[in-house]
mmCIF file of all heavy atoms, coordinates in Angstrom:
data_MODEL
# 
_entry.id   MODEL 
# 
loop_
_atom_site.group_PDB 
_atom_site.id 
_atom_site.type_symbol 
_atom_site.label_atom_id 
_atom_site.label_alt_id 
_atom_site.label_comp_id 
_atom_site.label_asym_id 
_atom_site.label_entity_id 
_atom_site.label_seq_id 
_atom_site.pdbx_PDB_ins_code 
_atom_site.Cartn_x 
_atom_site.Cartn_y 
_atom_site.Cartn_z 
_atom_site.occupancy 
_atom_site.B_iso_or_equiv 
_atom_site.pdbx_formal_charge 
_atom_site.auth_seq_id 
_atom_site.auth_comp_id 
_atom_site.auth_asym_id 
_atom_site.auth_atom_id 
_atom_site.pdbx_PDB_model_num 
ATOM 1   N N   . ALA A 1 1  ? 119.290 -51.035 -102.681 1.00 0.00 ? 1  ALA A N   1 
ATOM 2   C CA  . ALA A 1 1  ? 118.875 -49.673 -102.326 1.00 0.00 ? 1  ALA A CA  1 
ATOM 3   C C   . ALA A 1 1  ? 118.019 -49.634 -101.062 1.00 0.00 ? 1  ALA A C   1 
ATOM 4   O O   . ALA A 1 1  ? 118.142 -48.704 -100.254 1.00 0.00 ? 1  ALA A O   1 
ATOM 5   C CB  . ALA A 1 1  ? 118.108 -49.041 -103.495 1.00 0.00 ? 1  ALA A CB  1 
ATOM 6   N N   . TYR A 1 2  ? 117.168 -50.635 -100.873 1.00 0.00 ? 2  TYR A N   1 
ATOM 7   C CA  . TYR A 1 2  ? 116.191 -50.568 -99.787  1.00 0.00 ? 2  TYR A CA  1 
ATOM 8   C C   . TYR A 1 2  ? 116.435 -51.567 -98.652  1.00 0.00 ? 2  TYR A C   1 
ATOM 9   O O   . TYR A 1 2  ? 115.751 -51.506 -97.631  1.00 0.00 ? 2  TYR A O   1 
ATOM 10  C CB  . TYR A 1 2  ? 114.780 -50.768 -100.354 1.00 0.00 ? 2  TYR A CB  1 
ATOM 11  C CG  . TYR A 1 2  ? 114.408 -49.675 -101.320 1.00 0.00 ? 2  TYR A CG  1 
ATOM 12  C CD1 . TYR A 1 2  ? 114.304 -49.939 -102.690 1.00 0.00 ? 2  TYR A CD1 1 
ATOM 13  C CD2 . TYR A 1 2  ? 114.208 -48.370 -100.890 1.00 0.00 ? 2  TYR A CD2 1 
ATOM 14  C CE1 . TYR A 1 2  ? 113.987 -48.928 -103.591 1.00 0.00 ? 2  TYR A CE1 1 
ATOM 15  C CE2 . TYR A 1 2  ? 113.879 -47.354 -101.781 1.00 0.00 ? 2  TYR A CE2 1 
ATOM 16  C CZ  . TYR A 1 2  ? 113.772 -47.640 -103.125 1.00 0.00 ? 2  TYR A CZ  1 
ATOM 17  O OH  . TYR A 1 2  ? 113.471 -46.634 -104.012 1.00 0.00 ? 2  TYR A OH  1 
ATOM 18  N N   . LEU A 1 3  ? 117.421 -52.459 -98.816  1.00 0.00 ? 3  LEU A N   1 
ATOM 19  C CA  . LEU A 1 3  ? 117.737 -53.397 -97.741  1.00 0.00 ? 3  LEU A CA  1 
ATOM 20  C C   . LEU A 1 3  ? 119.205 -53.285 -97.313  1.00 0.00 ? 3  LEU A C   1 
ATOM 21  O O   . LEU A 1 3  ? 119.501 -52.879 -96.192  1.00 0.00 ? 3  LEU A O   1 
ATOM 22  C CB  . LEU A 1 3  ? 117.434 -54.837 -98.180  1.00 0.00 ? 3  LEU A CB  1 
ATOM 23  C CG  . LEU A 1 3  ? 115.993 -55.310 -98.093  1.00 0.00 ? 3  LEU A CG  1 
ATOM 24  C CD1 . LEU A 1 3  ? 115.858 -56.723 -98.665  1.00 0.00 ? 3  LEU A CD1 1 
ATOM 25  C CD2 . LEU A 1 3  ? 115.507 -55.293 -96.652  1.00 0.00 ? 3  LEU A CD2 1 
ATOM 26  N N   . ARG A 1 4  ? 120.124 -53.654 -98.219  1.00 0.00 ? 4  ARG A N   1 
ATOM 27  C CA  . ARG A 1 4  ? 121.530 -53.730 -97.831  1.00 0.00 ? 4  ARG A CA  1 
ATOM 28  C C   . ARG A 1 4  ? 122.098 -52.377 -97.404  1.00 0.00 ? 4  ARG A C   1 
ATOM 29  O O   . ARG A 1 4  ? 122.730 -52.268 -96.352  1.00 0.00 ? 4  ARG A O   1 
ATOM 30  C CB  . ARG A 1 4  ? 122.368 -54.301 -98.972  1.00 0.00 ? 4  ARG A CB  1 
ATOM 31  C CG  . ARG A 1 4  ? 123.855 -54.317 -98.636  1.00 0.00 ? 4  ARG A CG  1 
ATOM 32  C CD  . ARG A 1 4  ? 124.710 -54.941 -99.716  1.00 0.00 ? 4  ARG A CD  1 
ATOM 33  N NE  . ARG A 1 4  ? 124.668 -56.398 -99.615  1.00 0.00 ? 4  ARG A NE  1 
ATOM 34  C CZ  . ARG A 1 4  ? 124.252 -57.203 -100.576 1.00 0.00 ? 4  ARG A CZ  1 
ATOM 35  N NH1 . ARG A 1 4  ? 123.827 -56.697 -101.708 1.00 0.00 ? 4  ARG A NH1 1 
ATOM 36  N NH2 . ARG A 1 4  ? 124.258 -58.513 -100.421 1.00 0.00 ? 4  ARG A NH2 1 
ATOM 37  N N   . MET A 1 5  ? 121.879 -51.345 -98.183  1.00 0.00 ? 5  MET A N   1 
ATOM 38  C CA  . MET A 1 5  ? 122.527 -50.066 -97.892  1.00 0.00 ? 5  MET A CA  1 
ATOM 39  C C   . MET A 1 5  ? 121.980 -49.397 -96.629  1.00 0.00 ? 5  MET A C   1 
ATOM 40  O O   . MET A 1 5  ? 122.755 -49.044 -95.737  1.00 0.00 ? 5  MET A O   1 
ATOM 41  C CB  . MET A 1 5  ? 122.453 -49.149 -99.111  1.00 0.00 ? 5  MET A CB  1 
ATOM 42  C CG  . MET A 1 5  ? 123.260 -49.671 -100.297 1.00 0.00 ? 5  MET A CG  1 
ATOM 43  S SD  . MET A 1 5  ? 123.056 -48.729 -101.821 1.00 0.00 ? 5  MET A SD  1 
ATOM 44  C CE  . MET A 1 5  ? 124.076 -47.306 -101.447 1.00 0.00 ? 5  MET A CE  1 
ATOM 45  N N   . PRO A 1 6  ? 120.661 -49.222 -96.487  1.00 0.00 ? 6  PRO A N   1 
ATOM 46  C CA  . PRO A 1 6  ? 120.175 -48.618 -95.236  1.00 0.00 ? 6  PRO A CA  1 
ATOM 47  C C   . PRO A 1 6  ? 120.403 -49.507 -94.021  1.00 0.00 ? 6  PRO A C   1 
ATOM 48  O O   . PRO A 1 6  ? 120.724 -49.018 -92.929  1.00 0.00 ? 6  PRO A O   1 
ATOM 49  C CB  . PRO A 1 6  ? 118.681 -48.389 -95.498  1.00 0.00 ? 6  PRO A CB  1 
ATOM 50  C CG  . PRO A 1 6  ? 118.332 -49.299 -96.619  1.00 0.00 ? 6  PRO A CG  1 
ATOM 51  C CD  . PRO A 1 6  ? 119.564 -49.423 -97.456  1.00 0.00 ? 6  PRO A CD  1 
ATOM 52  N N   . GLY A 1 7  ? 120.264 -50.823 -94.197  1.00 0.00 ? 7  GLY A N   1 
ATOM 53  C CA  . GLY A 1 7  ? 120.498 -51.731 -93.080  1.00 0.00 ? 7  GLY A CA  1 
ATOM 54  C C   . GLY A 1 7  ? 121.948 -51.756 -92.659  1.00 0.00 ? 7  GLY A C   1 
ATOM 55  O O   . GLY A 1 7  ? 122.280 -51.775 -91.465  1.00 0.00 ? 7  GLY A O   1 
ATOM 56  N N   . GLY A 1 8  ? 122.850 -51.754 -93.646  1.00 0.00 ? 8  GLY A N   1 
ATOM 57  C CA  . GLY A 1 8  ? 124.275 -51.706 -93.338  1.00 0.00 ? 8  GLY A CA  1 
ATOM 58  C C   . GLY A 1 8  ? 124.653 -50.422 -92.637  1.00 0.00 ? 8  GLY A C   1 
ATOM 59  O O   . GLY A 1 8  ? 125.497 -50.413 -91.730  1.00 0.00 ? 8  GLY A O   1 
ATOM 60  N N   . ALA A 1 9  ? 124.031 -49.310 -93.043  1.00 0.00 ? 9  ALA A N   1 
ATOM 61  C CA  . ALA A 1 9  ? 124.283 -48.022 -92.387  1.00 0.00 ? 9  ALA A CA  1 
ATOM 62  C C   . ALA A 1 9  ? 123.812 -48.062 -90.929  1.00 0.00 ? 9  ALA A C   1 
ATOM 63  O O   . ALA A 1 9  ? 124.468 -47.504 -90.035  1.00 0.00 ? 9  ALA A O   1 
ATOM 64  C CB  . ALA A 1 9  ? 123.579 -46.903 -93.145  1.00 0.00 ? 9  ALA A CB  1 
ATOM 65  N N   . LEU A 1 10 ? 122.687 -48.734 -90.689  1.00 0.00 ? 10 LEU A N   1 
ATOM 66  C CA  . LEU A 1 10 ? 122.197 -48.886 -89.319  1.00 0.00 ? 10 LEU A CA  1 
ATOM 67  C C   . LEU A 1 10 ? 123.204 -49.661 -88.480  1.00 0.00 ? 10 LEU A C   1 
ATOM 68  O O   . LEU A 1 10 ? 123.573 -49.228 -87.373  1.00 0.00 ? 10 LEU A O   1 
ATOM 69  C CB  . LEU A 1 10 ? 120.849 -49.613 -89.321  1.00 0.00 ? 10 LEU A CB  1 
ATOM 70  C CG  . LEU A 1 10 ? 120.334 -50.092 -87.952  1.00 0.00 ? 10 LEU A CG  1 
ATOM 71  C CD1 . LEU A 1 10 ? 120.058 -48.884 -87.040  1.00 0.00 ? 10 LEU A CD1 1 
ATOM 72  C CD2 . LEU A 1 10 ? 119.082 -50.949 -88.101  1.00 0.00 ? 10 LEU A CD2 1 
ATOM 73  N N   . GLY A 1 11 ? 123.648 -50.803 -88.983  1.00 0.00 ? 11 GLY A N   1 
ATOM 74  C CA  . GLY A 1 11 ? 124.617 -51.614 -88.242  1.00 0.00 ? 11 GLY A CA  1 
ATOM 75  C C   . GLY A 1 11 ? 125.911 -50.861 -87.989  1.00 0.00 ? 11 GLY A C   1 
ATOM 76  O O   . GLY A 1 11 ? 126.476 -50.909 -86.889  1.00 0.00 ? 11 GLY A O   1 
ATOM 77  N N   . ALA A 1 12 ? 126.387 -50.140 -89.016  1.00 0.00 ? 12 ALA A N   1 
ATOM 78  C CA  . ALA A 1 12 ? 127.621 -49.369 -88.869  1.00 0.00 ? 12 ALA A CA  1 
ATOM 79  C C   . ALA A 1 12 ? 127.468 -48.286 -87.810  1.00 0.00 ? 12 ALA A C   1 
ATOM 80  O O   . ALA A 1 12 ? 128.377 -48.046 -87.001  1.00 0.00 ? 12 ALA A O   1 
ATOM 81  C CB  . ALA A 1 12 ? 128.003 -48.748 -90.211  1.00 0.00 ? 12 ALA A CB  1 
ATOM 82  N N   . SER A 1 13 ? 126.306 -47.618 -87.796  1.00 0.00 ? 13 SER A N   1 
ATOM 83  C CA  . SER A 1 13 ? 126.091 -46.555 -86.810  1.00 0.00 ? 13 SER A CA  1 
ATOM 84  C C   . SER A 1 13 ? 126.061 -47.116 -85.385  1.00 0.00 ? 13 SER A C   1 
ATOM 85  O O   . SER A 1 13 ? 126.518 -46.452 -84.441  1.00 0.00 ? 13 SER A O   1 
ATOM 86  C CB  . SER A 1 13 ? 124.783 -45.815 -87.102  1.00 0.00 ? 13 SER A CB  1 
ATOM 87  O OG  . SER A 1 13 ? 123.648 -46.641 -86.860  1.00 0.00 ? 13 SER A OG  1 
ATOM 88  N N   . LEU A 1 14 ? 125.554 -48.344 -85.228  1.00 0.00 ? 14 LEU A N   1 
ATOM 89  C CA  . LEU A 1 14 ? 125.545 -48.971 -83.903  1.00 0.00 ? 14 LEU A CA  1 
ATOM 90  C C   . LEU A 1 14 ? 126.967 -49.282 -83.442  1.00 0.00 ? 14 LEU A C   1 
ATOM 91  O O   . LEU A 1 14 ? 127.308 -49.101 -82.265  1.00 0.00 ? 14 LEU A O   1 
ATOM 92  C CB  . LEU A 1 14 ? 124.710 -50.252 -83.932  1.00 0.00 ? 14 LEU A CB  1 
ATOM 93  C CG  . LEU A 1 14 ? 123.200 -50.076 -84.127  1.00 0.00 ? 14 LEU A CG  1 
ATOM 94  C CD1 . LEU A 1 14 ? 122.509 -51.427 -84.246  1.00 0.00 ? 14 LEU A CD1 1 
ATOM 95  C CD2 . LEU A 1 14 ? 122.586 -49.272 -82.984  1.00 0.00 ? 14 LEU A CD2 1 
ATOM 96  N N   . LEU A 1 15 ? 127.807 -49.738 -84.368  1.00 0.00 ? 15 LEU A N   1 
ATOM 97  C CA  . LEU A 1 15 ? 129.205 -50.013 -84.015  1.00 0.00 ? 15 LEU A CA  1 
ATOM 98  C C   . LEU A 1 15 ? 129.935 -48.728 -83.623  1.00 0.00 ? 15 LEU A C   1 
ATOM 99  O O   . LEU A 1 15 ? 130.711 -48.711 -82.663  1.00 0.00 ? 15 LEU A O   1 
ATOM 100 C CB  . LEU A 1 15 ? 129.923 -50.678 -85.192  1.00 0.00 ? 15 LEU A CB  1 
ATOM 101 C CG  . LEU A 1 15 ? 129.606 -52.158 -85.426  1.00 0.00 ? 15 LEU A CG  1 
ATOM 102 C CD1 . LEU A 1 15 ? 130.154 -52.616 -86.778  1.00 0.00 ? 15 LEU A CD1 1 
ATOM 103 C CD2 . LEU A 1 15 ? 130.176 -53.021 -84.308  1.00 0.00 ? 15 LEU A CD2 1 
ATOM 104 N N   . VAL A 1 16 ? 129.686 -47.649 -84.360  1.00 0.00 ? 16 VAL A N   1 
ATOM 105 C CA  . VAL A 1 16 ? 130.296 -46.362 -84.015  1.00 0.00 ? 16 VAL A CA  1 
ATOM 106 C C   . VAL A 1 16 ? 129.780 -45.879 -82.662  1.00 0.00 ? 16 VAL A C   1 
ATOM 107 O O   . VAL A 1 16 ? 130.547 -45.407 -81.812  1.00 0.00 ? 16 VAL A O   1 
ATOM 108 C CB  . VAL A 1 16 ? 130.018 -45.317 -85.114  1.00 0.00 ? 16 VAL A CB  1 
ATOM 109 C CG1 . VAL A 1 16 ? 130.501 -43.939 -84.682  1.00 0.00 ? 16 VAL A CG1 1 
ATOM 110 C CG2 . VAL A 1 16 ? 130.691 -45.726 -86.419  1.00 0.00 ? 16 VAL A CG2 1 
ATOM 111 N N   . GLN A 1 17 ? 128.477 -46.021 -82.453  1.00 0.00 ? 17 GLN A N   1 
ATOM 112 C CA  . GLN A 1 17 ? 127.867 -45.635 -81.163  1.00 0.00 ? 17 GLN A CA  1 
ATOM 113 C C   . GLN A 1 17 ? 128.520 -46.393 -80.017  1.00 0.00 ? 17 GLN A C   1 
ATOM 114 O O   . GLN A 1 17 ? 128.842 -45.801 -78.973  1.00 0.00 ? 17 GLN A O   1 
ATOM 115 C CB  . GLN A 1 17 ? 126.375 -45.943 -81.204  1.00 0.00 ? 17 GLN A CB  1 
ATOM 116 C CG  . GLN A 1 17 ? 125.680 -45.947 -79.836  1.00 0.00 ? 17 GLN A CG  1 
ATOM 117 C CD  . GLN A 1 17 ? 124.321 -46.599 -79.889  1.00 0.00 ? 17 GLN A CD  1 
ATOM 118 O OE1 . GLN A 1 17 ? 123.369 -45.965 -80.322  1.00 0.00 ? 17 GLN A OE1 1 
ATOM 119 N NE2 . GLN A 1 17 ? 124.215 -47.854 -79.458  1.00 0.00 ? 17 GLN A NE2 1 
ATOM 120 N N   . ASP A 1 18 ? 128.746 -47.671 -80.205  1.00 0.00 ? 18 ASP A N   1 
ATOM 121 C CA  . ASP A 1 18 ? 129.331 -48.503 -79.144  1.00 0.00 ? 18 ASP A CA  1 
ATOM 122 C C   . ASP A 1 18 ? 130.788 -48.138 -78.875  1.00 0.00 ? 18 ASP A C   1 
ATOM 123 O O   . ASP A 1 18 ? 131.334 -48.493 -77.823  1.00 0.00 ? 18 ASP A O   1 
ATOM 124 C CB  . ASP A 1 18 ? 129.238 -49.987 -79.519  1.00 0.00 ? 18 ASP A CB  1 
ATOM 125 C CG  . ASP A 1 18 ? 127.800 -50.465 -79.605  1.00 0.00 ? 18 ASP A CG  1 
ATOM 126 O OD1 . ASP A 1 18 ? 126.912 -49.780 -79.071  1.00 0.00 ? 18 ASP A OD1 1 
ATOM 127 O OD2 . ASP A 1 18 ? 127.574 -51.530 -80.221  1.00 0.00 ? 18 ASP A OD2 1 
ATOM 128 N N   . GLY A 1 19 ? 131.422 -47.458 -79.842  1.00 0.00 ? 19 GLY A N   1 
ATOM 129 C CA  . GLY A 1 19 ? 132.821 -47.095 -79.666  1.00 0.00 ? 19 GLY A CA  1 
ATOM 130 C C   . GLY A 1 19 ? 133.056 -45.777 -78.967  1.00 0.00 ? 19 GLY A C   1 
ATOM 131 O O   . GLY A 1 19 ? 134.196 -45.426 -78.640  1.00 0.00 ? 19 GLY A O   1 
ATOM 132 N N   . VAL A 1 20 ? 131.979 -45.035 -78.722  1.00 0.00 ? 20 VAL A N   1 
ATOM 133 C CA  . VAL A 1 20 ? 132.126 -43.706 -78.116  1.00 0.00 ? 20 VAL A CA  1 
ATOM 134 C C   . VAL A 1 20 ? 132.453 -43.820 -76.631  1.00 0.00 ? 20 VAL A C   1 
ATOM 135 O O   . VAL A 1 20 ? 131.729 -44.476 -75.874  1.00 0.00 ? 20 VAL A O   1 
ATOM 136 C CB  . VAL A 1 20 ? 130.838 -42.874 -78.311  1.00 0.00 ? 20 VAL A CB  1 
ATOM 137 C CG1 . VAL A 1 20 ? 130.941 -41.549 -77.560  1.00 0.00 ? 20 VAL A CG1 1 
ATOM 138 C CG2 . VAL A 1 20 ? 130.579 -42.638 -79.785  1.00 0.00 ? 20 VAL A CG2 1 
ATOM 139 N N   . GLY A 1 21 ? 133.560 -43.225 -76.230  1.00 0.00 ? 21 GLY A N   1 
ATOM 140 C CA  . GLY A 1 21 ? 133.908 -43.114 -74.815  1.00 0.00 ? 21 GLY A CA  1 
ATOM 141 C C   . GLY A 1 21 ? 134.410 -44.368 -74.152  1.00 0.00 ? 21 GLY A C   1 
ATOM 142 O O   . GLY A 1 21 ? 134.362 -44.474 -72.922  1.00 0.00 ? 21 GLY A O   1 
ATOM 143 N N   . VAL A 1 22 ? 134.931 -45.332 -74.934  1.00 0.00 ? 22 VAL A N   1 
ATOM 144 C CA  . VAL A 1 22 ? 135.433 -46.563 -74.303  1.00 0.00 ? 22 VAL A CA  1 
ATOM 145 C C   . VAL A 1 22 ? 136.891 -46.832 -74.675  1.00 0.00 ? 22 VAL A C   1 
ATOM 146 O O   . VAL A 1 22 ? 137.335 -47.981 -74.694  1.00 0.00 ? 22 VAL A O   1 
ATOM 147 C CB  . VAL A 1 22 ? 134.549 -47.786 -74.670  1.00 0.00 ? 22 VAL A CB  1 
ATOM 148 C CG1 . VAL A 1 22 ? 133.182 -47.668 -74.026  1.00 0.00 ? 22 VAL A CG1 1 
ATOM 149 C CG2 . VAL A 1 22 ? 134.418 -47.939 -76.186  1.00 0.00 ? 22 VAL A CG2 1 
ATOM 150 N N   . GLY A 1 23 ? 137.641 -45.799 -74.997  1.00 0.00 ? 23 GLY A N   1 
ATOM 151 C CA  . GLY A 1 23 ? 139.081 -45.937 -75.212  1.00 0.00 ? 23 GLY A CA  1 
ATOM 152 C C   . GLY A 1 23 ? 139.460 -46.617 -76.511  1.00 0.00 ? 23 GLY A C   1 
ATOM 153 O O   . GLY A 1 23 ? 138.751 -46.531 -77.521  1.00 0.00 ? 23 GLY A O   1 
ATOM 154 N N   . ALA A 1 24 ? 140.604 -47.313 -76.482  1.00 0.00 ? 24 ALA A N   1 
ATOM 155 C CA  . ALA A 1 24 ? 141.171 -47.924 -77.694  1.00 0.00 ? 24 ALA A CA  1 
ATOM 156 C C   . ALA A 1 24 ? 140.220 -48.940 -78.311  1.00 0.00 ? 24 ALA A C   1 
ATOM 157 O O   . ALA A 1 24 ? 140.136 -49.064 -79.538  1.00 0.00 ? 24 ALA A O   1 
ATOM 158 C CB  . ALA A 1 24 ? 142.504 -48.583 -77.364  1.00 0.00 ? 24 ALA A CB  1 
ATOM 159 N N   . ARG A 1 25 ? 139.527 -49.679 -77.479  1.00 0.00 ? 25 ARG A N   1 
ATOM 160 C CA  . ARG A 1 25 ? 138.572 -50.667 -77.997  1.00 0.00 ? 25 ARG A CA  1 
ATOM 161 C C   . ARG A 1 25 ? 137.459 -49.971 -78.784  1.00 0.00 ? 25 ARG A C   1 
ATOM 162 O O   . ARG A 1 25 ? 136.958 -50.497 -79.773  1.00 0.00 ? 25 ARG A O   1 
ATOM 163 C CB  . ARG A 1 25 ? 137.985 -51.472 -76.840  1.00 0.00 ? 25 ARG A CB  1 
ATOM 164 C CG  . ARG A 1 25 ? 137.105 -52.636 -77.279  1.00 0.00 ? 25 ARG A CG  1 
ATOM 165 C CD  . ARG A 1 25 ? 136.641 -53.439 -76.075  1.00 0.00 ? 25 ARG A CD  1 
ATOM 166 N NE  . ARG A 1 25 ? 135.800 -54.552 -76.481  1.00 0.00 ? 25 ARG A NE  1 
ATOM 167 C CZ  . ARG A 1 25 ? 136.255 -55.725 -76.907  1.00 0.00 ? 25 ARG A CZ  1 
ATOM 168 N NH1 . ARG A 1 25 ? 137.547 -55.923 -77.006  1.00 0.00 ? 25 ARG A NH1 1 
ATOM 169 N NH2 . ARG A 1 25 ? 135.425 -56.692 -77.248  1.00 0.00 ? 25 ARG A NH2 1 
ATOM 170 N N   . GLY A 1 26 ? 137.115 -48.788 -78.330  1.00 0.00 ? 26 GLY A N   1 
ATOM 171 C CA  . GLY A 1 26 ? 136.089 -48.025 -79.040  1.00 0.00 ? 26 GLY A CA  1 
ATOM 172 C C   . GLY A 1 26 ? 136.545 -47.573 -80.414  1.00 0.00 ? 26 GLY A C   1 
ATOM 173 O O   . GLY A 1 26 ? 135.754 -47.514 -81.358  1.00 0.00 ? 26 GLY A O   1 
ATOM 174 N N   . VAL A 1 27 ? 137.838 -47.256 -80.541  1.00 0.00 ? 27 VAL A N   1 
ATOM 175 C CA  . VAL A 1 27 ? 138.376 -46.850 -81.838  1.00 0.00 ? 27 VAL A CA  1 
ATOM 176 C C   . VAL A 1 27 ? 138.241 -47.986 -82.844  1.00 0.00 ? 27 VAL A C   1 
ATOM 177 O O   . VAL A 1 27 ? 137.825 -47.785 -83.988  1.00 0.00 ? 27 VAL A O   1 
ATOM 178 C CB  . VAL A 1 27 ? 139.867 -46.430 -81.704  1.00 0.00 ? 27 VAL A CB  1 
ATOM 179 C CG1 . VAL A 1 27 ? 140.462 -46.171 -83.087  1.00 0.00 ? 27 VAL A CG1 1 
ATOM 180 C CG2 . VAL A 1 27 ? 139.984 -45.193 -80.831  1.00 0.00 ? 27 VAL A CG2 1 
ATOM 181 N N   . SER A 1 28 ? 138.579 -49.205 -82.430  1.00 0.00 ? 28 SER A N   1 
ATOM 182 C CA  . SER A 1 28 ? 138.476 -50.344 -83.349  1.00 0.00 ? 28 SER A CA  1 
ATOM 183 C C   . SER A 1 28 ? 137.025 -50.628 -83.711  1.00 0.00 ? 28 SER A C   1 
ATOM 184 O O   . SER A 1 28 ? 136.729 -51.034 -84.839  1.00 0.00 ? 28 SER A O   1 
ATOM 185 C CB  . SER A 1 28 ? 139.129 -51.590 -82.737  1.00 0.00 ? 28 SER A CB  1 
ATOM 186 O OG  . SER A 1 28 ? 138.455 -52.010 -81.563  1.00 0.00 ? 28 SER A OG  1 
ATOM 187 N N   . SER A 1 29 ? 136.102 -50.374 -82.784  1.00 0.00 ? 29 SER A N   1 
ATOM 188 C CA  . SER A 1 29 ? 134.682 -50.547 -83.081  1.00 0.00 ? 29 SER A CA  1 
ATOM 189 C C   . SER A 1 29 ? 134.230 -49.532 -84.126  1.00 0.00 ? 29 SER A C   1 
ATOM 190 O O   . SER A 1 29 ? 133.495 -49.861 -85.061  1.00 0.00 ? 29 SER A O   1 
ATOM 191 C CB  . SER A 1 29 ? 133.854 -50.384 -81.804  1.00 0.00 ? 29 SER A CB  1 
ATOM 192 O OG  . SER A 1 29 ? 132.466 -50.547 -82.076  1.00 0.00 ? 29 SER A OG  1 
ATOM 193 N N   . ALA A 1 30 ? 134.701 -48.295 -83.979  1.00 0.00 ? 30 ALA A N   1 
ATOM 194 C CA  . ALA A 1 30 ? 134.347 -47.249 -84.940  1.00 0.00 ? 30 ALA A CA  1 
ATOM 195 C C   . ALA A 1 30 ? 134.954 -47.532 -86.311  1.00 0.00 ? 30 ALA A C   1 
ATOM 196 O O   . ALA A 1 30 ? 134.304 -47.331 -87.348  1.00 0.00 ? 30 ALA A O   1 
ATOM 197 C CB  . ALA A 1 30 ? 134.806 -45.889 -84.427  1.00 0.00 ? 30 ALA A CB  1 
# 
């Protein structure tokens, strides 16, 4: 509840952020 889930959400949001505006490679990141 306090480590894996919020931390995983943080990492996932960074991957989605990195995928914005960079074409097909960005889609796979998202």
